Amino acid sequence: MSPADTPARPAVGDLAPDFTLRDQFGQDVSLSSYRGRKSVLLFFYPYAFSGVCTGELGGVRDRLDEFLTFDSEVLAISCDPTYSLRAFADQDSLNFPLLSDFWPHGAVASAYGVFNAAKGSPERSSFLVDTDGVIRWTMHNERHEARDLAAHLEQLQALG
């Protein structure tokens, strides 16, 4: 897929593209299963075991109680296979869903307009989806730049 073929990023106010992906335990997780119950913070990240991603997701782990305070769920998405995600979760005690967008490779990241075909992985992007399935906030960082987790928590609090 060339950059011209990559769908545009959904904008604030758009219905979030639905998906079903497998988590690190091989269980299917669907975005639509949270509709009417919880808001969802989608964390697209490039690679399991990489420096910035490990630090970022460790930060989410360390503050997970804060992220879940707002009737919300955190779903972290990469193109790594489920077996790698399980090893990553086990090694770093990541106790929230790590979803594999491995096959069809990058299909969900592409639907959100954040798949980097040249690198074969998602960009470092976040989408906050409300209980109606509508995108309420987004953040896009450079691959080498960690996200501001406090800004994510502020957006969750504002939504709640």
N, C-alpha and C. Protein backbone atom coordinates (compact mmCIF):
# COMPACT_ATOMS: atom_id res chain seq x y z
N MET A 1 0.85 -1.17 0.00
CA MET A 1 0.00 0.00 0.00
C MET A 1 0.90 1.23 0.00
N SER A 2 0.70 2.11 -0.92
CA SER A 2 1.49 3.34 -0.98
C SER A 2 0.85 4.39 -0.08
N PRO A 3 1.59 5.45 0.28
CA PRO A 3 1.01 6.50 1.12
C PRO A 3 -0.27 7.08 0.52
N ALA A 4 -0.36 7.13 -0.80
CA ALA A 4 -1.57 7.66 -1.43
C ALA A 4 -2.77 6.74 -1.20
N ASP A 5 -2.50 5.43 -0.98
CA ASP A 5 -3.57 4.47 -0.75
C ASP A 5 -4.01 4.39 0.71
N THR A 6 -3.22 4.99 1.62
CA THR A 6 -3.54 4.92 3.03
C THR A 6 -4.75 5.80 3.31
N PRO A 7 -5.77 5.24 3.98
CA PRO A 7 -6.94 6.05 4.29
C PRO A 7 -6.57 7.22 5.19
N ALA A 8 -7.35 8.27 5.08
CA ALA A 8 -7.14 9.43 5.95
C ALA A 8 -7.42 9.04 7.39
N ARG A 9 -6.78 9.72 8.30
CA ARG A 9 -7.04 9.49 9.71
C ARG A 9 -8.45 9.94 10.03
N PRO A 10 -9.20 9.12 10.76
CA PRO A 10 -10.51 9.58 11.20
C PRO A 10 -10.33 10.78 12.14
N ALA A 11 -11.24 11.71 12.06
CA ALA A 11 -11.13 12.96 12.82
C ALA A 11 -12.02 12.92 14.05
N VAL A 12 -11.77 13.86 14.94
CA VAL A 12 -12.64 14.03 16.10
C VAL A 12 -14.07 14.24 15.59
N GLY A 13 -15.00 13.50 16.16
CA GLY A 13 -16.40 13.56 15.74
C GLY A 13 -16.80 12.43 14.81
N ASP A 14 -15.80 11.72 14.24
CA ASP A 14 -16.09 10.59 13.36
C ASP A 14 -16.35 9.33 14.19
N LEU A 15 -17.13 8.44 13.63
CA LEU A 15 -17.32 7.12 14.23
C LEU A 15 -16.00 6.36 14.09
N ALA A 16 -15.53 5.78 15.18
CA ALA A 16 -14.26 5.04 15.15
C ALA A 16 -14.44 3.77 14.32
N PRO A 17 -13.49 3.46 13.45
CA PRO A 17 -13.57 2.21 12.70
C PRO A 17 -13.57 1.02 13.68
N ASP A 18 -14.53 0.13 13.53
CA ASP A 18 -14.60 -1.03 14.41
C ASP A 18 -13.57 -2.06 13.98
N PHE A 19 -13.18 -2.91 14.90
CA PHE A 19 -12.23 -3.97 14.61
C PHE A 19 -12.37 -5.07 15.64
N THR A 20 -11.85 -6.22 15.28
CA THR A 20 -11.66 -7.33 16.20
C THR A 20 -10.23 -7.82 16.00
N LEU A 21 -9.45 -7.81 17.08
CA LEU A 21 -8.07 -8.26 17.05
C LEU A 21 -7.83 -9.23 18.21
N ARG A 22 -6.80 -10.03 18.10
CA ARG A 22 -6.44 -10.96 19.17
C ARG A 22 -5.49 -10.27 20.15
N ASP A 23 -5.72 -10.55 21.44
CA ASP A 23 -4.83 -10.01 22.46
C ASP A 23 -3.67 -10.96 22.73
N GLN A 24 -2.84 -10.63 23.70
CA GLN A 24 -1.66 -11.43 24.01
C GLN A 24 -1.98 -12.84 24.51
N PHE A 25 -3.25 -13.09 24.85
CA PHE A 25 -3.66 -14.42 25.29
C PHE A 25 -4.40 -15.19 24.19
N GLY A 26 -4.49 -14.59 22.99
CA GLY A 26 -5.18 -15.23 21.87
C GLY A 26 -6.68 -15.04 21.89
N GLN A 27 -7.18 -14.15 22.74
CA GLN A 27 -8.62 -13.87 22.84
C GLN A 27 -9.00 -12.73 21.91
N ASP A 28 -10.15 -12.85 21.25
CA ASP A 28 -10.64 -11.78 20.39
C ASP A 28 -11.15 -10.61 21.23
N VAL A 29 -10.76 -9.41 20.83
CA VAL A 29 -11.22 -8.17 21.46
C VAL A 29 -11.79 -7.29 20.36
N SER A 30 -13.05 -6.88 20.53
CA SER A 30 -13.71 -6.02 19.54
C SER A 30 -13.95 -4.64 20.14
N LEU A 31 -13.64 -3.60 19.38
CA LEU A 31 -13.90 -2.25 19.86
C LEU A 31 -15.38 -2.07 20.16
N SER A 32 -16.24 -2.60 19.31
CA SER A 32 -17.69 -2.42 19.48
C SER A 32 -18.21 -3.07 20.76
N SER A 33 -17.47 -4.01 21.35
CA SER A 33 -17.94 -4.65 22.58
C SER A 33 -17.96 -3.68 23.77
N TYR A 34 -17.28 -2.57 23.64
CA TYR A 34 -17.25 -1.56 24.72
C TYR A 34 -18.35 -0.51 24.56
N ARG A 35 -18.98 -0.49 23.40
CA ARG A 35 -19.98 0.53 23.12
C ARG A 35 -21.10 0.48 24.16
N GLY A 36 -21.47 1.65 24.67
CA GLY A 36 -22.52 1.75 25.67
C GLY A 36 -22.05 1.44 27.07
N ARG A 37 -20.78 1.00 27.23
CA ARG A 37 -20.27 0.61 28.54
C ARG A 37 -19.04 1.41 28.98
N LYS A 38 -18.08 1.53 28.09
CA LYS A 38 -16.80 2.15 28.44
C LYS A 38 -16.28 2.98 27.29
N SER A 39 -15.55 4.04 27.64
CA SER A 39 -14.75 4.72 26.63
C SER A 39 -13.47 3.91 26.46
N VAL A 40 -12.82 4.07 25.31
CA VAL A 40 -11.64 3.27 25.01
C VAL A 40 -10.52 4.20 24.53
N LEU A 41 -9.35 4.02 25.12
CA LEU A 41 -8.17 4.74 24.69
C LEU A 41 -7.33 3.79 23.86
N LEU A 42 -7.22 4.06 22.57
CA LEU A 42 -6.43 3.24 21.66
C LEU A 42 -5.02 3.80 21.58
N PHE A 43 -4.03 2.97 21.92
CA PHE A 43 -2.62 3.34 21.85
C PHE A 43 -1.99 2.54 20.71
N PHE A 44 -1.79 3.14 19.55
CA PHE A 44 -1.02 2.50 18.49
C PHE A 44 0.46 2.73 18.78
N TYR A 45 1.25 1.67 18.73
CA TYR A 45 2.69 1.81 18.99
C TYR A 45 3.46 0.96 17.99
N PRO A 46 4.68 1.39 17.64
CA PRO A 46 5.42 0.71 16.58
C PRO A 46 5.83 -0.73 16.88
N TYR A 47 6.56 -0.99 17.98
CA TYR A 47 7.13 -2.31 18.17
C TYR A 47 7.21 -2.72 19.64
N ALA A 48 6.82 -3.95 19.93
CA ALA A 48 7.08 -4.53 21.24
C ALA A 48 8.59 -4.60 21.44
N PHE A 49 9.01 -4.45 22.67
CA PHE A 49 10.42 -4.57 23.09
C PHE A 49 11.30 -3.40 22.67
N SER A 50 10.78 -2.42 21.92
CA SER A 50 11.62 -1.27 21.56
C SER A 50 11.66 -0.29 22.72
N GLY A 51 12.68 0.53 22.76
CA GLY A 51 12.93 1.40 23.91
C GLY A 51 11.78 2.33 24.27
N VAL A 52 11.35 3.16 23.33
CA VAL A 52 10.29 4.13 23.63
C VAL A 52 8.98 3.42 23.94
N CYS A 53 8.65 2.41 23.18
CA CYS A 53 7.39 1.68 23.40
C CYS A 53 7.37 0.99 24.76
N THR A 54 8.50 0.38 25.13
CA THR A 54 8.60 -0.28 26.42
C THR A 54 8.40 0.73 27.55
N GLY A 55 9.04 1.88 27.43
CA GLY A 55 8.88 2.91 28.44
C GLY A 55 7.46 3.46 28.52
N GLU A 56 6.87 3.71 27.37
CA GLU A 56 5.50 4.22 27.33
C GLU A 56 4.50 3.25 27.95
N LEU A 57 4.55 2.01 27.51
CA LEU A 57 3.59 1.03 28.00
C LEU A 57 3.85 0.69 29.46
N GLY A 58 5.11 0.77 29.89
CA GLY A 58 5.41 0.64 31.31
C GLY A 58 4.79 1.78 32.10
N GLY A 59 4.77 2.98 31.54
CA GLY A 59 4.11 4.12 32.18
C GLY A 59 2.61 3.91 32.30
N VAL A 60 2.00 3.35 31.27
CA VAL A 60 0.57 3.03 31.33
C VAL A 60 0.34 1.99 32.43
N ARG A 61 1.17 0.94 32.45
CA ARG A 61 1.06 -0.09 33.49
C ARG A 61 1.14 0.53 34.88
N ASP A 62 2.10 1.41 35.09
CA ASP A 62 2.31 2.02 36.40
C ASP A 62 1.16 2.92 36.83
N ARG A 63 0.41 3.43 35.85
CA ARG A 63 -0.71 4.34 36.15
C ARG A 63 -2.05 3.76 35.71
N LEU A 64 -2.10 2.44 35.51
CA LEU A 64 -3.30 1.81 34.97
C LEU A 64 -4.54 2.11 35.81
N ASP A 65 -4.39 2.13 37.13
CA ASP A 65 -5.55 2.45 37.97
C ASP A 65 -6.11 3.82 37.63
N GLU A 66 -5.26 4.78 37.29
CA GLU A 66 -5.73 6.11 36.91
C GLU A 66 -6.46 6.05 35.56
N PHE A 67 -5.90 5.28 34.62
CA PHE A 67 -6.52 5.18 33.30
C PHE A 67 -7.89 4.50 33.36
N LEU A 68 -8.07 3.59 34.30
CA LEU A 68 -9.33 2.85 34.38
C LEU A 68 -10.35 3.49 35.32
N THR A 69 -10.01 4.61 35.92
CA THR A 69 -10.89 5.32 36.85
C THR A 69 -12.13 5.88 36.16
N PHE A 70 -12.06 6.11 34.88
CA PHE A 70 -13.09 6.85 34.17
C PHE A 70 -14.04 5.94 33.37
N ASP A 71 -14.32 4.73 33.86
CA ASP A 71 -15.11 3.77 33.08
C ASP A 71 -14.52 3.64 31.68
N SER A 72 -13.24 3.35 31.65
CA SER A 72 -12.52 3.30 30.38
C SER A 72 -11.66 2.06 30.30
N GLU A 73 -11.20 1.78 29.10
CA GLU A 73 -10.30 0.65 28.83
C GLU A 73 -9.15 1.17 27.98
N VAL A 74 -7.97 0.61 28.18
CA VAL A 74 -6.81 0.92 27.36
C VAL A 74 -6.54 -0.29 26.47
N LEU A 75 -6.45 -0.06 25.17
CA LEU A 75 -6.11 -1.10 24.21
C LEU A 75 -4.87 -0.65 23.45
N ALA A 76 -3.78 -1.38 23.59
CA ALA A 76 -2.53 -1.06 22.91
C ALA A 76 -2.42 -1.94 21.66
N ILE A 77 -2.13 -1.31 20.51
CA ILE A 77 -2.16 -2.02 19.23
C ILE A 77 -0.83 -1.87 18.50
N SER A 78 -0.27 -3.02 18.10
CA SER A 78 0.92 -3.03 17.24
C SER A 78 0.74 -4.12 16.18
N CYS A 79 1.68 -4.22 15.29
CA CYS A 79 1.63 -5.26 14.25
C CYS A 79 2.44 -6.49 14.63
N ASP A 80 2.86 -6.56 15.89
CA ASP A 80 3.60 -7.73 16.36
C ASP A 80 2.66 -8.93 16.45
N PRO A 81 3.18 -10.15 16.23
CA PRO A 81 2.35 -11.35 16.38
C PRO A 81 1.98 -11.57 17.85
N THR A 82 0.90 -12.30 18.09
CA THR A 82 0.40 -12.50 19.46
C THR A 82 1.46 -13.14 20.36
N TYR A 83 2.28 -14.04 19.83
CA TYR A 83 3.29 -14.70 20.66
C TYR A 83 4.31 -13.69 21.17
N SER A 84 4.69 -12.74 20.33
CA SER A 84 5.61 -11.68 20.77
C SER A 84 4.95 -10.79 21.81
N LEU A 85 3.67 -10.49 21.60
CA LEU A 85 2.96 -9.65 22.57
C LEU A 85 2.85 -10.34 23.92
N ARG A 86 2.67 -11.67 23.92
CA ARG A 86 2.59 -12.40 25.18
C ARG A 86 3.94 -12.33 25.91
N ALA A 87 5.03 -12.52 25.18
CA ALA A 87 6.36 -12.44 25.79
C ALA A 87 6.63 -11.03 26.31
N PHE A 88 6.23 -10.02 25.55
CA PHE A 88 6.40 -8.62 25.94
C PHE A 88 5.60 -8.33 27.21
N ALA A 89 4.35 -8.76 27.23
CA ALA A 89 3.48 -8.53 28.40
C ALA A 89 4.04 -9.24 29.63
N ASP A 90 4.49 -10.48 29.46
CA ASP A 90 5.04 -11.24 30.58
C ASP A 90 6.32 -10.60 31.10
N GLN A 91 7.20 -10.21 30.19
CA GLN A 91 8.48 -9.63 30.60
C GLN A 91 8.30 -8.33 31.37
N ASP A 92 7.37 -7.49 30.91
CA ASP A 92 7.21 -6.15 31.49
C ASP A 92 5.97 -6.01 32.36
N SER A 93 5.33 -7.13 32.70
CA SER A 93 4.12 -7.13 33.55
C SER A 93 3.07 -6.15 33.03
N LEU A 94 2.82 -6.21 31.75
CA LEU A 94 1.80 -5.35 31.12
C LEU A 94 0.46 -6.06 31.26
N ASN A 95 -0.39 -5.55 32.13
CA ASN A 95 -1.63 -6.23 32.50
C ASN A 95 -2.87 -5.55 31.90
N PHE A 96 -2.76 -5.18 30.66
CA PHE A 96 -3.89 -4.64 29.90
C PHE A 96 -3.77 -5.21 28.49
N PRO A 97 -4.83 -5.15 27.69
CA PRO A 97 -4.80 -5.81 26.38
C PRO A 97 -3.76 -5.21 25.41
N LEU A 98 -2.91 -6.09 24.90
CA LEU A 98 -2.00 -5.78 23.81
C LEU A 98 -2.56 -6.51 22.60
N LEU A 99 -2.97 -5.77 21.60
CA LEU A 99 -3.66 -6.36 20.45
C LEU A 99 -2.75 -6.46 19.24
N SER A 100 -2.87 -7.57 18.54
CA SER A 100 -2.03 -7.86 17.38
C SER A 100 -2.76 -7.52 16.08
N ASP A 101 -2.21 -6.54 15.37
CA ASP A 101 -2.70 -6.15 14.04
C ASP A 101 -1.79 -6.78 12.98
N PHE A 102 -1.39 -8.04 13.27
CA PHE A 102 -0.40 -8.73 12.45
C PHE A 102 -0.95 -9.15 11.09
N TRP A 103 -2.18 -9.71 11.07
CA TRP A 103 -2.71 -10.19 9.79
C TRP A 103 -4.21 -9.99 9.71
N PRO A 104 -4.75 -9.43 8.63
CA PRO A 104 -3.97 -8.85 7.55
C PRO A 104 -3.10 -7.70 8.08
N HIS A 105 -1.86 -7.72 7.69
CA HIS A 105 -0.83 -6.87 8.30
C HIS A 105 -1.20 -5.39 8.26
N GLY A 106 -1.40 -4.84 9.47
CA GLY A 106 -1.65 -3.40 9.60
C GLY A 106 -3.03 -2.95 9.16
N ALA A 107 -3.99 -3.85 9.03
CA ALA A 107 -5.31 -3.47 8.52
C ALA A 107 -6.00 -2.45 9.43
N VAL A 108 -5.90 -2.65 10.74
CA VAL A 108 -6.56 -1.72 11.67
C VAL A 108 -5.80 -0.40 11.70
N ALA A 109 -4.47 -0.45 11.78
CA ALA A 109 -3.68 0.78 11.74
C ALA A 109 -3.98 1.55 10.45
N SER A 110 -4.14 0.84 9.34
CA SER A 110 -4.48 1.49 8.07
C SER A 110 -5.85 2.16 8.14
N ALA A 111 -6.82 1.48 8.76
CA ALA A 111 -8.16 2.05 8.89
C ALA A 111 -8.15 3.34 9.70
N TYR A 112 -7.19 3.45 10.60
CA TYR A 112 -7.04 4.66 11.41
C TYR A 112 -6.04 5.65 10.80
N GLY A 113 -5.51 5.32 9.61
CA GLY A 113 -4.60 6.22 8.90
C GLY A 113 -3.25 6.38 9.56
N VAL A 114 -2.81 5.37 10.34
CA VAL A 114 -1.54 5.49 11.05
C VAL A 114 -0.57 4.36 10.73
N PHE A 115 -0.82 3.60 9.66
CA PHE A 115 0.09 2.53 9.28
C PHE A 115 1.21 3.09 8.42
N ASN A 116 2.45 2.83 8.82
CA ASN A 116 3.61 3.24 8.05
C ASN A 116 4.06 2.02 7.24
N ALA A 117 3.71 2.00 5.97
CA ALA A 117 3.99 0.83 5.13
C ALA A 117 5.49 0.61 4.96
N ALA A 118 6.27 1.66 4.92
CA ALA A 118 7.71 1.52 4.75
C ALA A 118 8.35 0.84 5.96
N LYS A 119 7.82 1.08 7.14
CA LYS A 119 8.35 0.47 8.37
C LYS A 119 7.60 -0.80 8.75
N GLY A 120 6.40 -1.00 8.18
CA GLY A 120 5.60 -2.19 8.48
C GLY A 120 4.98 -2.17 9.86
N SER A 121 4.75 -0.95 10.37
CA SER A 121 4.22 -0.82 11.73
C SER A 121 3.40 0.47 11.86
N PRO A 122 2.61 0.55 12.94
CA PRO A 122 1.85 1.78 13.16
C PRO A 122 2.75 2.93 13.59
N GLU A 123 2.27 4.11 13.38
CA GLU A 123 2.88 5.29 13.96
C GLU A 123 2.49 5.34 15.43
N ARG A 124 3.08 6.23 16.18
CA ARG A 124 2.79 6.40 17.61
C ARG A 124 1.60 7.37 17.71
N SER A 125 0.40 6.80 17.78
CA SER A 125 -0.82 7.60 17.76
C SER A 125 -1.82 7.10 18.80
N SER A 126 -2.63 8.02 19.28
CA SER A 126 -3.68 7.69 20.26
C SER A 126 -5.01 8.22 19.77
N PHE A 127 -6.07 7.46 20.07
CA PHE A 127 -7.44 7.86 19.77
C PHE A 127 -8.28 7.58 21.00
N LEU A 128 -9.04 8.57 21.45
CA LEU A 128 -9.97 8.37 22.55
C LEU A 128 -11.37 8.22 21.95
N VAL A 129 -11.99 7.07 22.21
CA VAL A 129 -13.30 6.73 21.66
C VAL A 129 -14.30 6.72 22.81
N ASP A 130 -15.40 7.48 22.66
CA ASP A 130 -16.39 7.55 23.74
C ASP A 130 -17.31 6.33 23.72
N THR A 131 -18.25 6.28 24.65
CA THR A 131 -19.14 5.12 24.78
C THR A 131 -20.09 4.97 23.60
N ASP A 132 -20.22 6.00 22.78
CA ASP A 132 -21.04 5.91 21.56
C ASP A 132 -20.22 5.47 20.35
N GLY A 133 -18.92 5.23 20.56
CA GLY A 133 -18.06 4.81 19.45
C GLY A 133 -17.54 5.96 18.62
N VAL A 134 -17.61 7.18 19.15
CA VAL A 134 -17.18 8.38 18.43
C VAL A 134 -15.80 8.81 18.93
N ILE A 135 -14.94 9.19 18.01
CA ILE A 135 -13.61 9.68 18.38
C ILE A 135 -13.75 11.07 18.98
N ARG A 136 -13.22 11.25 20.19
CA ARG A 136 -13.33 12.52 20.91
C ARG A 136 -12.02 13.26 21.02
N TRP A 137 -10.88 12.57 20.76
CA TRP A 137 -9.57 13.21 20.89
C TRP A 137 -8.55 12.34 20.21
N THR A 138 -7.53 12.96 19.65
CA THR A 138 -6.41 12.22 19.05
C THR A 138 -5.09 12.88 19.41
N MET A 139 -4.03 12.09 19.36
CA MET A 139 -2.68 12.61 19.54
C MET A 139 -1.76 11.78 18.65
N HIS A 140 -0.88 12.47 17.94
CA HIS A 140 0.06 11.79 17.05
C HIS A 140 1.46 12.30 17.35
N ASN A 141 2.35 11.37 17.72
CA ASN A 141 3.72 11.72 18.07
C ASN A 141 4.68 11.15 17.04
N GLU A 142 5.88 11.73 16.99
CA GLU A 142 6.95 11.17 16.19
C GLU A 142 7.30 9.80 16.77
N ARG A 143 7.82 8.93 15.95
CA ARG A 143 8.14 7.56 16.39
C ARG A 143 9.10 7.53 17.59
N HIS A 144 10.02 8.46 17.64
CA HIS A 144 11.03 8.49 18.70
C HIS A 144 10.59 9.29 19.92
N GLU A 145 9.38 9.82 19.90
CA GLU A 145 8.91 10.72 20.95
C GLU A 145 7.78 10.08 21.76
N ALA A 146 8.02 9.85 23.04
CA ALA A 146 7.00 9.24 23.91
C ALA A 146 5.81 10.19 24.08
N ARG A 147 4.65 9.58 24.25
CA ARG A 147 3.42 10.35 24.49
C ARG A 147 3.41 10.94 25.89
N ASP A 148 2.67 12.01 26.06
CA ASP A 148 2.44 12.63 27.36
C ASP A 148 1.23 11.92 27.99
N LEU A 149 1.49 11.02 28.94
CA LEU A 149 0.41 10.24 29.55
C LEU A 149 -0.52 11.13 30.37
N ALA A 150 0.00 12.20 30.95
CA ALA A 150 -0.85 13.13 31.71
C ALA A 150 -1.90 13.76 30.80
N ALA A 151 -1.53 14.08 29.57
CA ALA A 151 -2.50 14.65 28.62
C ALA A 151 -3.60 13.64 28.31
N HIS A 152 -3.24 12.36 28.21
CA HIS A 152 -4.24 11.32 27.98
C HIS A 152 -5.21 11.24 29.15
N LEU A 153 -4.68 11.29 30.36
CA LEU A 153 -5.54 11.24 31.56
C LEU A 153 -6.46 12.45 31.64
N GLU A 154 -5.95 13.62 31.26
CA GLU A 154 -6.78 14.83 31.26
C GLU A 154 -7.95 14.67 30.30
N GLN A 155 -7.69 14.08 29.13
CA GLN A 155 -8.76 13.89 28.14
C GLN A 155 -9.79 12.88 28.63
N LEU A 156 -9.34 11.82 29.29
CA LEU A 156 -10.26 10.85 29.86
C LEU A 156 -11.14 11.50 30.94
N GLN A 157 -10.52 12.32 31.77
CA GLN A 157 -11.27 13.01 32.82
C GLN A 157 -12.29 13.98 32.23
N ALA A 158 -11.90 14.70 31.20
CA ALA A 158 -12.81 15.64 30.54
C ALA A 158 -13.99 14.91 29.91
N LEU A 159 -13.75 13.72 29.39
CA LEU A 159 -14.81 12.94 28.75
C LEU A 159 -15.77 12.40 29.79
N GLY A 160 -15.23 12.02 30.97
CA GLY A 160 -16.03 11.41 32.02
C GLY A 160 -16.90 12.40 32.68
